[in-house]
Amino acid sequence: MAQTSELKRLAERRRALVARSGELRAELAVQFLSLQISTAWVQRGYTIVQSSRAVWPWIAGLLGLLVARQRRGWLSTARRVWTGWRIAKNIIGLRHGRREVTEAEPSTS
């Protein structure tokens, strides 16, 4: 008689543990999905850096030339850097098959 009650108690304990294990697995899956979503930008950033790796030496060289020519004020240099950045963005966009419309281009609509 003692063995039957002990077996029933153990079976009930096993069912409770299996149910709790299922709950914890589901919670872990939700947390993992949340972690995947919140770290997706890492892969995107890495891809962008790798694809633009060939362009950075050119940009750095141009910025070095702009900074070396300090005859003008800092505002003029900032404007030139900004213009160079916009040009570089357009070149990169064209290289990847995207065409961004800039303010200087007239719209056709």
PDB file of N, CA and C in Angstrom:
ATOM      1  N   MET A   1       0.807  -1.183   0.000  1.00  0.00           N
ATOM      2  CA  MET A   1       0.000   0.000   0.000  1.00  0.00           C
ATOM      3  C   MET A   1       0.864   1.266   0.000  1.00  0.00           C
ATOM      4  N   ALA A   2       1.945   1.226   0.772  1.00  0.00           N
ATOM      5  CA  ALA A   2       2.830   2.385   0.850  1.00  0.00           C
ATOM      6  C   ALA A   2       3.510   2.631  -0.487  1.00  0.00           C
ATOM      7  N   GLN A   3       3.824   1.545  -1.195  1.00  0.00           N
ATOM      8  CA  GLN A   3       4.476   1.698  -2.483  1.00  0.00           C
ATOM      9  C   GLN A   3       3.538   2.312  -3.518  1.00  0.00           C
ATOM     10  N   THR A   4       2.255   1.972  -3.500  1.00  0.00           N
ATOM     11  CA  THR A   4       1.306   2.525  -4.474  1.00  0.00           C
ATOM     12  C   THR A   4       1.136   4.025  -4.260  1.00  0.00           C
ATOM     13  N   SER A   5       1.009   4.454  -3.026  1.00  0.00           N
ATOM     14  CA  SER A   5       0.852   5.888  -2.773  1.00  0.00           C
ATOM     15  C   SER A   5       2.134   6.649  -3.136  1.00  0.00           C
ATOM     16  N   GLU A   6       3.266   6.009  -2.891  1.00  0.00           N
ATOM     17  CA  GLU A   6       4.547   6.627  -3.256  1.00  0.00           C
ATOM     18  C   GLU A   6       4.668   6.741  -4.775  1.00  0.00           C
ATOM     19  N   LEU A   7       4.251   5.713  -5.506  1.00  0.00           N
ATOM     20  CA  LEU A   7       4.285   5.750  -6.966  1.00  0.00           C
ATOM     21  C   LEU A   7       3.334   6.812  -7.511  1.00  0.00           C
ATOM     22  N   LYS A   8       2.147   6.940  -6.911  1.00  0.00           N
ATOM     23  CA  LYS A   8       1.192   7.974  -7.344  1.00  0.00           C
ATOM     24  C   LYS A   8       1.758   9.363  -7.093  1.00  0.00           C
ATOM     25  N   ARG A   9       2.383   9.534  -5.926  1.00  0.00           N
ATOM     26  CA  ARG A   9       2.976  10.831  -5.593  1.00  0.00           C
ATOM     27  C   ARG A   9       4.103  11.160  -6.586  1.00  0.00           C
ATOM     28  N   LEU A  10       4.936  10.190  -6.902  1.00  0.00           N
ATOM     29  CA  LEU A  10       6.029  10.408  -7.847  1.00  0.00           C
ATOM     30  C   LEU A  10       5.500  10.686  -9.257  1.00  0.00           C
ATOM     31  N   ALA A  11       4.447   9.985  -9.666  1.00  0.00           N
ATOM     32  CA  ALA A  11       3.862  10.222 -10.987  1.00  0.00           C
ATOM     33  C   ALA A  11       3.275  11.625 -11.065  1.00  0.00           C
ATOM     34  N   GLU A  12       2.605  12.051  -9.989  1.00  0.00           N
ATOM     35  CA  GLU A  12       2.048  13.412  -9.961  1.00  0.00           C
ATOM     36  C   GLU A  12       3.169  14.459  -9.994  1.00  0.00           C
ATOM     37  N   ARG A  13       4.224  14.183  -9.257  1.00  0.00           N
ATOM     38  CA  ARG A  13       5.375  15.096  -9.240  1.00  0.00           C
ATOM     39  C   ARG A  13       6.000  15.178 -10.644  1.00  0.00           C
ATOM     40  N   ARG A  14       6.106  14.038 -11.320  1.00  0.00           N
ATOM     41  CA  ARG A  14       6.655  14.008 -12.679  1.00  0.00           C
ATOM     42  C   ARG A  14       5.789  14.823 -13.629  1.00  0.00           C
ATOM     43  N   ARG A  15       4.460  14.669 -13.555  1.00  0.00           N
ATOM     44  CA  ARG A  15       3.558  15.448 -14.413  1.00  0.00           C
ATOM     45  C   ARG A  15       3.724  16.955 -14.160  1.00  0.00           C
ATOM     46  N   ALA A  16       3.849  17.316 -12.891  1.00  0.00           N
ATOM     47  CA  ALA A  16       4.035  18.736 -12.552  1.00  0.00           C
ATOM     48  C   ALA A  16       5.352  19.260 -13.116  1.00  0.00           C
ATOM     49  N   LEU A  17       6.403  18.445 -13.002  1.00  0.00           N
ATOM     50  CA  LEU A  17       7.703  18.875 -13.526  1.00  0.00           C
ATOM     51  C   LEU A  17       7.699  18.980 -15.049  1.00  0.00           C
ATOM     52  N   VAL A  18       7.034  18.049 -15.724  1.00  0.00           N
ATOM     53  CA  VAL A  18       6.949  18.101 -17.191  1.00  0.00           C
ATOM     54  C   VAL A  18       6.161  19.339 -17.617  1.00  0.00           C
ATOM     55  N   ALA A  19       5.074  19.643 -16.910  1.00  0.00           N
ATOM     56  CA  ALA A  19       4.281  20.831 -17.237  1.00  0.00           C
ATOM     57  C   ALA A  19       5.107  22.097 -17.024  1.00  0.00           C
ATOM     58  N   ARG A  20       5.854  22.167 -15.915  1.00  0.00           N
ATOM     59  CA  ARG A  20       6.685  23.346 -15.623  1.00  0.00           C
ATOM     60  C   ARG A  20       7.796  23.470 -16.668  1.00  0.00           C
ATOM     61  N   SER A  21       8.345  22.329 -17.079  1.00  0.00           N
ATOM     62  CA  SER A  21       9.388  22.340 -18.100  1.00  0.00           C
ATOM     63  C   SER A  21       8.851  22.911 -19.413  1.00  0.00           C
ATOM     64  N   GLY A  22       7.625  22.526 -19.775  1.00  0.00           N
ATOM     65  CA  GLY A  22       7.013  23.064 -20.992  1.00  0.00           C
ATOM     66  C   GLY A  22       6.805  24.567 -20.898  1.00  0.00           C
ATOM     67  N   GLU A  23       6.368  25.037 -19.734  1.00  0.00           N
ATOM     68  CA  GLU A  23       6.185  26.486 -19.535  1.00  0.00           C
ATOM     69  C   GLU A  23       7.515  27.225 -19.676  1.00  0.00           C
ATOM     70  N   LEU A  24       8.556  26.681 -19.048  1.00  0.00           N
ATOM     71  CA  LEU A  24       9.864  27.337 -19.112  1.00  0.00           C
ATOM     72  C   LEU A  24      10.430  27.320 -20.532  1.00  0.00           C
ATOM     73  N   ARG A  25      10.206  26.248 -21.274  1.00  0.00           N
ATOM     74  CA  ARG A  25      10.671  26.200 -22.667  1.00  0.00           C
ATOM     75  C   ARG A  25       9.967  27.252 -23.517  1.00  0.00           C
ATOM     76  N   ALA A  26       8.663  27.404 -23.314  1.00  0.00           N
ATOM     77  CA  ALA A  26       7.916  28.414 -24.070  1.00  0.00           C
ATOM     78  C   ALA A  26       8.407  29.816 -23.710  1.00  0.00           C
ATOM     79  N   GLU A  27       8.655  30.060 -22.436  1.00  0.00           N
ATOM     80  CA  GLU A  27       9.154  31.373 -22.002  1.00  0.00           C
ATOM     81  C   GLU A  27      10.542  31.638 -22.583  1.00  0.00           C
ATOM     82  N   LEU A  28      11.374  30.620 -22.592  1.00  0.00           N
ATOM     83  CA  LEU A  28      12.709  30.752 -23.155  1.00  0.00           C
ATOM     84  C   LEU A  28      12.651  31.043 -24.658  1.00  0.00           C
ATOM     85  N   ALA A  29      11.718  30.409 -25.364  1.00  0.00           N
ATOM     86  CA  ALA A  29      11.572  30.663 -26.803  1.00  0.00           C
ATOM     87  C   ALA A  29      11.168  32.104 -27.063  1.00  0.00           C
ATOM     88  N   VAL A  30      10.265  32.640 -26.244  1.00  0.00           N
ATOM     89  CA  VAL A  30       9.835  34.035 -26.398  1.00  0.00           C
ATOM     90  C   VAL A  30      11.003  34.970 -26.126  1.00  0.00           C
ATOM     91  N   GLN A  31      11.772  34.702 -25.087  1.00  0.00           N
ATOM     92  CA  GLN A  31      12.919  35.548 -24.764  1.00  0.00           C
ATOM     93  C   GLN A  31      13.984  35.474 -25.850  1.00  0.00           C
ATOM     94  N   PHE A  32      14.190  34.302 -26.419  1.00  0.00           N
ATOM     95  CA  PHE A  32      15.171  34.154 -27.485  1.00  0.00           C
ATOM     96  C   PHE A  32      14.754  34.937 -28.723  1.00  0.00           C
ATOM     97  N   LEU A  33      13.470  34.877 -29.062  1.00  0.00           N
ATOM     98  CA  LEU A  33      12.970  35.633 -30.209  1.00  0.00           C
ATOM     99  C   LEU A  33      13.142  37.130 -29.979  1.00  0.00           C
ATOM    100  N   SER A  34      12.863  37.574 -28.770  1.00  0.00           N
ATOM    101  CA  SER A  34      13.044  38.987 -28.431  1.00  0.00           C
ATOM    102  C   SER A  34      14.508  39.384 -28.556  1.00  0.00           C
ATOM    103  N   LEU A  35      15.395  38.531 -28.111  1.00  0.00           N
ATOM    104  CA  LEU A  35      16.830  38.805 -28.215  1.00  0.00           C
ATOM    105  C   LEU A  35      17.261  38.854 -29.674  1.00  0.00           C
ATOM    106  N   GLN A  36      16.744  37.958 -30.486  1.00  0.00           N
ATOM    107  CA  GLN A  36      17.066  37.954 -31.914  1.00  0.00           C
ATOM    108  C   GLN A  36      16.630  39.256 -32.574  1.00  0.00           C
ATOM    109  N   ILE A  37      15.438  39.717 -32.249  1.00  0.00           N
ATOM    110  CA  ILE A  37      14.908  40.946 -32.842  1.00  0.00           C
ATOM    111  C   ILE A  37      15.745  42.143 -32.418  1.00  0.00           C
ATOM    112  N   SER A  38      16.106  42.192 -31.127  1.00  0.00           N
ATOM    113  CA  SER A  38      16.831  43.364 -30.654  1.00  0.00           C
ATOM    114  C   SER A  38      18.295  43.383 -31.088  1.00  0.00           C
ATOM    115  N   THR A  39      18.840  42.281 -31.547  1.00  0.00           N
ATOM    116  CA  THR A  39      20.224  42.283 -32.018  1.00  0.00           C
ATOM    117  C   THR A  39      20.327  42.174 -33.537  1.00  0.00           C
ATOM    118  N   ALA A  40      19.234  42.317 -34.243  1.00  0.00           N
ATOM    119  CA  ALA A  40      19.266  42.223 -35.712  1.00  0.00           C
ATOM    120  C   ALA A  40      20.080  43.362 -36.324  1.00  0.00           C
ATOM    121  N   TRP A  41      20.154  44.496 -35.641  1.00  0.00           N
ATOM    122  CA  TRP A  41      20.897  45.634 -36.178  1.00  0.00           C
ATOM    123  C   TRP A  41      22.388  45.327 -36.268  1.00  0.00           C
ATOM    124  N   VAL A  42      22.888  44.407 -35.452  1.00  0.00           N
ATOM    125  CA  VAL A  42      24.309  44.074 -35.495  1.00  0.00           C
ATOM    126  C   VAL A  42      24.662  43.473 -36.855  1.00  0.00           C
ATOM    127  N   GLN A  43      23.878  42.523 -37.305  1.00  0.00           N
ATOM    128  CA  GLN A  43      24.131  41.898 -38.608  1.00  0.00           C
ATOM    129  C   GLN A  43      24.000  42.925 -39.729  1.00  0.00           C
ATOM    130  N   ARG A  44      22.990  43.777 -39.638  1.00  0.00           N
ATOM    131  CA  ARG A  44      22.776  44.812 -40.670  1.00  0.00           C
ATOM    132  C   ARG A  44      23.963  45.782 -40.705  1.00  0.00           C
ATOM    133  N   GLY A  45      24.408  46.218 -39.534  1.00  0.00           N
ATOM    134  CA  GLY A  45      25.548  47.132 -39.463  1.00  0.00           C
ATOM    135  C   GLY A  45      26.818  46.500 -39.986  1.00  0.00           C
ATOM    136  N   TYR A  46      27.034  45.241 -39.650  1.00  0.00           N
ATOM    137  CA  TYR A  46      28.216  44.533 -40.132  1.00  0.00           C
ATOM    138  C   TYR A  46      28.192  44.422 -41.651  1.00  0.00           C
ATOM    139  N   THR A  47      27.038  44.127 -42.208  1.00  0.00           N
ATOM    140  CA  THR A  47      26.901  44.017 -43.662  1.00  0.00           C
ATOM    141  C   THR A  47      27.190  45.351 -44.338  1.00  0.00           C
ATOM    142  N   ILE A  48      26.672  46.433 -43.766  1.00  0.00           N
ATOM    143  CA  ILE A  48      26.900  47.762 -44.350  1.00  0.00           C
ATOM    144  C   ILE A  48      28.379  48.123 -44.295  1.00  0.00           C
ATOM    145  N   VAL A  49      29.023  47.867 -43.163  1.00  0.00           N
ATOM    146  CA  VAL A  49      30.452  48.185 -43.028  1.00  0.00           C
ATOM    147  C   VAL A  49      31.269  47.366 -44.017  1.00  0.00           C
ATOM    148  N   GLN A  50      30.943  46.082 -44.154  1.00  0.00           N
ATOM    149  CA  GLN A  50      31.689  45.244 -45.089  1.00  0.00           C
ATOM    150  C   GLN A  50      31.489  45.691 -46.538  1.00  0.00           C
ATOM    151  N   SER A  51      30.271  46.107 -46.888  1.00  0.00           N
ATOM    152  CA  SER A  51      30.029  46.506 -48.274  1.00  0.00           C
ATOM    153  C   SER A  51      30.648  47.860 -48.604  1.00  0.00           C
ATOM    154  N   SER A  52      30.828  48.704 -47.605  1.00  0.00           N
ATOM    155  CA  SER A  52      31.394  50.026 -47.868  1.00  0.00           C
ATOM    156  C   SER A  52      32.878  50.095 -47.531  1.00  0.00           C
ATOM    157  N   ARG A  53      33.489  48.960 -47.273  1.00  0.00           N
ATOM    158  CA  ARG A  53      34.899  48.926 -46.890  1.00  0.00           C
ATOM    159  C   ARG A  53      35.812  49.508 -47.957  1.00  0.00           C
ATOM    160  N   ALA A  54      35.475  49.348 -49.215  1.00  0.00           N
ATOM    161  CA  ALA A  54      36.325  49.854 -50.301  1.00  0.00           C
ATOM    162  C   ALA A  54      36.198  51.370 -50.452  1.00  0.00           C
ATOM    163  N   VAL A  55      35.118  51.944 -49.955  1.00  0.00           N
ATOM    164  CA  VAL A  55      34.867  53.376 -50.135  1.00  0.00           C
ATOM    165  C   VAL A  55      35.520  54.202 -49.033  1.00  0.00           C
ATOM    166  N   TRP A  56      35.664  53.634 -47.841  1.00  0.00           N
ATOM    167  CA  TRP A  56      36.172  54.409 -46.706  1.00  0.00           C
ATOM    168  C   TRP A  56      37.555  55.019 -46.926  1.00  0.00           C
ATOM    169  N   PRO A  57      38.507  54.357 -47.566  1.00  0.00           N
ATOM    170  CA  PRO A  57      39.792  55.023 -47.801  1.00  0.00           C
ATOM    171  C   PRO A  57      39.659  56.282 -48.660  1.00  0.00           C
ATOM    172  N   TRP A  58      38.765  56.245 -49.631  1.00  0.00           N
ATOM    173  CA  TRP A  58      38.541  57.433 -50.460  1.00  0.00           C
ATOM    174  C   TRP A  58      37.943  58.565 -49.639  1.00  0.00           C
ATOM    175  N   ILE A  59      36.952  58.231 -48.845  1.00  0.00           N
ATOM    176  CA  ILE A  59      36.307  59.257 -48.012  1.00  0.00           C
ATOM    177  C   ILE A  59      37.314  59.835 -47.028  1.00  0.00           C
ATOM    178  N   ALA A  60      38.119  58.979 -46.407  1.00  0.00           N
ATOM    179  CA  ALA A  60      39.116  59.451 -45.447  1.00  0.00           C
ATOM    180  C   ALA A  60      40.153  60.344 -46.136  1.00  0.00           C
ATOM    181  N   GLY A  61      40.552  59.967 -47.333  1.00  0.00           N
ATOM    182  CA  GLY A  61      41.505  60.793 -48.072  1.00  0.00           C
ATOM    183  C   GLY A  61      40.946  62.163 -48.412  1.00  0.00           C
ATOM    184  N   LEU A  62      39.690  62.180 -48.876  1.00  0.00           N
ATOM    185  CA  LEU A  62      39.064  63.470 -49.190  1.00  0.00           C
ATOM    186  C   LEU A  62      38.900  64.333 -47.948  1.00  0.00           C
ATOM    187  N   LEU A  63      38.492  63.719 -46.849  1.00  0.00           N
ATOM    188  CA  LEU A  63      38.357  64.481 -45.604  1.00  0.00           C
ATOM    189  C   LEU A  63      39.712  65.007 -45.138  1.00  0.00           C
ATOM    190  N   GLY A  64      40.758  64.199 -45.325  1.00  0.00           N
ATOM    191  CA  GLY A  64      42.104  64.660 -44.965  1.00  0.00           C
ATOM    192  C   GLY A  64      42.525  65.859 -45.788  1.00  0.00           C
ATOM    193  N   LEU A  65      42.211  65.837 -47.077  1.00  0.00           N
ATOM    194  CA  LEU A  65      42.533  66.996 -47.918  1.00  0.00           C
ATOM    195  C   LEU A  65      41.750  68.232 -47.488  1.00  0.00           C
ATOM    196  N   LEU A  66      40.493  68.042 -47.153  1.00  0.00           N
ATOM    197  CA  LEU A  66      39.677  69.174 -46.717  1.00  0.00           C
ATOM    198  C   LEU A  66      40.187  69.768 -45.410  1.00  0.00           C
ATOM    199  N   VAL A  67      40.573  68.924 -44.479  1.00  0.00           N
ATOM    200  CA  VAL A  67      41.057  69.412 -43.191  1.00  0.00           C
ATOM    201  C   VAL A  67      42.426  70.059 -43.349  1.00  0.00           C
ATOM    202  N   ALA A  68      43.268  69.534 -44.253  1.00  0.00           N
ATOM    203  CA  ALA A  68      44.607  70.085 -44.455  1.00  0.00           C
ATOM    204  C   ALA A  68      44.549  71.497 -45.036  1.00  0.00           C
ATOM    205  N   ARG A  69      43.506  71.791 -45.769  1.00  0.00           N
ATOM    206  CA  ARG A  69      43.373  73.127 -46.363  1.00  0.00           C
ATOM    207  C   ARG A  69      42.630  74.021 -45.375  1.00  0.00           C
ATOM    208  N   GLN A  70      43.296  74.488 -44.371  1.00  0.00           N
ATOM    209  CA  GLN A  70      42.662  75.267 -43.312  1.00  0.00           C
ATOM    210  C   GLN A  70      42.700  76.774 -43.587  1.00  0.00           C
ATOM    211  N   ARG A  71      42.768  77.188 -44.818  1.00  0.00           N
ATOM    212  CA  ARG A  71      42.751  78.621 -45.118  1.00  0.00           C
ATOM    213  C   ARG A  71      41.389  79.216 -44.836  1.00  0.00           C
ATOM    214  N   ARG A  72      40.362  78.406 -44.976  1.00  0.00           N
ATOM    215  CA  ARG A  72      39.006  78.881 -44.744  1.00  0.00           C
ATOM    216  C   ARG A  72      38.618  78.599 -43.297  1.00  0.00           C
ATOM    217  N   GLY A  73      37.483  79.124 -42.907  1.00  0.00           N
ATOM    218  CA  GLY A  73      36.984  78.909 -41.555  1.00  0.00           C
ATOM    219  C   GLY A  73      36.384  77.523 -41.383  1.00  0.00           C
ATOM    220  N   TRP A  74      36.038  77.209 -40.163  1.00  0.00           N
ATOM    221  CA  TRP A  74      35.495  75.877 -39.856  1.00  0.00           C
ATOM    222  C   TRP A  74      34.119  75.668 -40.479  1.00  0.00           C
ATOM    223  N   LEU A  75      33.367  76.750 -40.660  1.00  0.00           N
ATOM    224  CA  LEU A  75      32.041  76.619 -41.256  1.00  0.00           C
ATOM    225  C   LEU A  75      32.139  76.196 -42.723  1.00  0.00           C
ATOM    226  N   SER A  76      33.095  76.793 -43.423  1.00  0.00           N
ATOM    227  CA  SER A  76      33.302  76.415 -44.816  1.00  0.00           C
ATOM    228  C   SER A  76      33.757  74.962 -44.921  1.00  0.00           C
ATOM    229  N   THR A  77      34.635  74.568 -44.018  1.00  0.00           N
ATOM    230  CA  THR A  77      35.098  73.177 -44.012  1.00  0.00           C
ATOM    231  C   THR A  77      33.943  72.232 -43.713  1.00  0.00           C
ATOM    232  N   ALA A  78      33.097  72.588 -42.757  1.00  0.00           N
ATOM    233  CA  ALA A  78      31.946  71.754 -42.419  1.00  0.00           C
ATOM    234  C   ALA A  78      31.004  71.629 -43.610  1.00  0.00           C
ATOM    235  N   ARG A  79      30.799  72.733 -44.326  1.00  0.00           N
ATOM    236  CA  ARG A  79      29.941  72.699 -45.502  1.00  0.00           C
ATOM    237  C   ARG A  79      30.529  71.780 -46.573  1.00  0.00           C
ATOM    238  N   ARG A  80      31.842  71.851 -46.778  1.00  0.00           N
ATOM    239  CA  ARG A  80      32.486  70.993 -47.763  1.00  0.00           C
ATOM    240  C   ARG A  80      32.401  69.516 -47.353  1.00  0.00           C
ATOM    241  N   VAL A  81      32.582  69.240 -46.076  1.00  0.00           N
ATOM    242  CA  VAL A  81      32.466  67.862 -45.596  1.00  0.00           C
ATOM    243  C   VAL A  81      31.050  67.359 -45.822  1.00  0.00           C
ATOM    244  N   TRP A  82      30.068  68.201 -45.512  1.00  0.00           N
ATOM    245  CA  TRP A  82      28.668  67.807 -45.701  1.00  0.00           C
ATOM    246  C   TRP A  82      28.370  67.524 -47.182  1.00  0.00           C
ATOM    247  N   THR A  83      28.880  68.372 -48.059  1.00  0.00           N
ATOM    248  CA  THR A  83      28.689  68.163 -49.496  1.00  0.00           C
ATOM    249  C   THR A  83      29.365  66.870 -49.947  1.00  0.00           C
ATOM    250  N   GLY A  84      30.570  66.636 -49.462  1.00  0.00           N
ATOM    251  CA  GLY A  84      31.268  65.402 -49.803  1.00  0.00           C
ATOM    252  C   GLY A  84      30.520  64.174 -49.310  1.00  0.00           C
ATOM    253  N   TRP A  85      29.936  64.285 -48.137  1.00  0.00           N
ATOM    254  CA  TRP A  85      29.157  63.175 -47.575  1.00  0.00           C
ATOM    255  C   TRP A  85      27.932  62.877 -48.444  1.00  0.00           C
ATOM    256  N   ARG A  86      27.233  63.935 -48.884  1.00  0.00           N
ATOM    257  CA  ARG A  86      26.057  63.737 -49.730  1.00  0.00           C
ATOM    258  C   ARG A  86      26.446  63.104 -51.068  1.00  0.00           C
ATOM    259  N   ILE A  87      27.562  63.554 -51.629  1.00  0.00           N
ATOM    260  CA  ILE A  87      28.033  62.981 -52.890  1.00  0.00           C
ATOM    261  C   ILE A  87      28.384  61.515 -52.693  1.00  0.00           C
ATOM    262  N   ALA A  88      29.083  61.208 -51.612  1.00  0.00           N
ATOM    263  CA  ALA A  88      29.467  59.820 -51.334  1.00  0.00           C
ATOM    264  C   ALA A  88      28.228  58.947 -51.137  1.00  0.00           C
ATOM    265  N   LYS A  89      27.217  59.456 -50.452  1.00  0.00           N
ATOM    266  CA  LYS A  89      25.990  58.687 -50.266  1.00  0.00           C
ATOM    267  C   LYS A  89      25.323  58.386 -51.601  1.00  0.00           C
ATOM    268  N   ASN A  90      25.294  59.378 -52.502  1.00  0.00           N
ATOM    269  CA  ASN A  90      24.705  59.158 -53.821  1.00  0.00           C
ATOM    270  C   ASN A  90      25.500  58.141 -54.626  1.00  0.00           C
ATOM    271  N   ILE A  91      26.829  58.205 -54.538  1.00  0.00           N
ATOM    272  CA  ILE A  91      27.666  57.256 -55.271  1.00  0.00           C
ATOM    273  C   ILE A  91      27.429  55.851 -54.736  1.00  0.00           C
ATOM    274  N   ILE A  92      27.391  55.697 -53.423  1.00  0.00           N
ATOM    275  CA  ILE A  92      27.151  54.386 -52.820  1.00  0.00           C
ATOM    276  C   ILE A  92      25.762  53.894 -53.195  1.00  0.00           C
ATOM    277  N   GLY A  93      24.766  54.780 -53.180  1.00  0.00           N
ATOM    278  CA  GLY A  93      23.408  54.395 -53.555  1.00  0.00           C
ATOM    279  C   GLY A  93      23.321  53.941 -54.995  1.00  0.00           C
ATOM    280  N   LEU A  94      24.025  54.627 -55.888  1.00  0.00           N
ATOM    281  CA  LEU A  94      24.016  54.237 -57.294  1.00  0.00           C
ATOM    282  C   LEU A  94      24.737  52.907 -57.492  1.00  0.00           C
ATOM    283  N   ARG A  95      25.788  52.687 -56.725  1.00  0.00           N
ATOM    284  CA  ARG A  95      26.556  51.453 -56.845  1.00  0.00           C
ATOM    285  C   ARG A  95      25.729  50.248 -56.436  1.00  0.00           C
ATOM    286  N   HIS A  96      24.835  50.432 -55.483  1.00  0.00           N
ATOM    287  CA  HIS A  96      24.005  49.333 -54.996  1.00  0.00           C
ATOM    288  C   HIS A  96      22.673  49.258 -55.722  1.00  0.00           C
ATOM    289  N   GLY A  97      22.511  50.022 -56.791  1.00  0.00           N
ATOM    290  CA  GLY A  97      21.299  49.935 -57.581  1.00  0.00           C
ATOM    291  C   GLY A  97      20.163  50.800 -57.067  1.00  0.00           C
ATOM    292  N   ARG A  98      20.407  51.606 -56.059  1.00  0.00           N
ATOM    293  CA  ARG A  98      19.372  52.507 -55.552  1.00  0.00           C
ATOM    294  C   ARG A  98      19.660  53.899 -56.086  1.00  0.00           C
ATOM    295  N   ARG A  99      18.635  54.608 -56.390  1.00  0.00           N
ATOM    296  CA  ARG A  99      18.786  55.981 -56.871  1.00  0.00           C
ATOM    297  C   ARG A  99      17.997  56.869 -55.936  1.00  0.00           C
ATOM    298  N   GLU A 100      18.684  57.672 -55.150  1.00  0.00           N
ATOM    299  CA  GLU A 100      18.013  58.587 -54.237  1.00  0.00           C
ATOM    300  C   GLU A 100      17.902  59.952 -54.901  1.00  0.00           C
ATOM    301  N   VAL A 101      16.765  60.538 -54.801  1.00  0.00           N
ATOM    302  CA  VAL A 101      16.553  61.862 -55.382  1.00  0.00           C
ATOM    303  C   VAL A 101      17.062  62.892 -54.387  1.00  0.00           C
ATOM    304  N   THR A 102      17.955  63.770 -54.860  1.00  0.00           N
ATOM    305  CA  THR A 102      18.471  64.829 -54.000  1.00  0.00           C
ATOM    306  C   THR A 102      17.685  66.097 -54.228  1.00  0.00           C
ATOM    307  N   GLU A 103      17.950  67.091 -53.408  1.00  0.00           N
ATOM    308  CA  GLU A 103      17.233  68.347 -53.503  1.00  0.00           C
ATOM    309  C   GLU A 103      17.562  69.080 -54.811  1.00  0.00           C
ATOM    310  N   ALA A 104      18.737  68.839 -55.366  1.00  0.00           N
ATOM    311  CA  ALA A 104      19.143  69.557 -56.562  1.00  0.00           C
ATOM    312  C   ALA A 104      18.460  69.026 -57.815  1.00  0.00           C
ATOM    313  N   GLU A 105      17.933  67.814 -57.763  1.00  0.00           N
ATOM    314  CA  GLU A 105      17.298  67.238 -58.944  1.00  0.00           C
ATOM    315  C   GLU A 105      15.822  67.609 -58.973  1.00  0.00           C
ATOM    316  N   PRO A 106      15.323  68.042 -60.135  1.00  0.00           N
ATOM    317  CA  PRO A 106      13.895  68.365 -60.220  1.00  0.00           C
ATOM    318  C   PRO A 106      13.061  67.105 -60.217  1.00  0.00           C
ATOM    319  N   SER A 107      11.901  67.185 -59.613  1.00  0.00           N
ATOM    320  CA  SER A 107      11.006  66.006 -59.602  1.00  0.00           C
ATOM    321  C   SER A 107      10.202  65.972 -60.883  1.00  0.00           C
ATOM    322  N   THR A 108       9.812  64.788 -61.313  1.00  0.00           N
ATOM    323  CA  THR A 108       9.087  64.627 -62.573  1.00  0.00           C
ATOM    324  C   THR A 108       7.599  64.545 -62.373  1.00  0.00           C
ATOM    325  N   SER A 109       7.115  64.672 -61.148  1.00  0.00           N
ATOM    326  CA  SER A 109       5.664  64.538 -60.907  1.00  0.00           C
ATOM    327  C   SER A 109       4.946  65.840 -60.949  1.00  0.00           C
TER     328      SER A 109
END
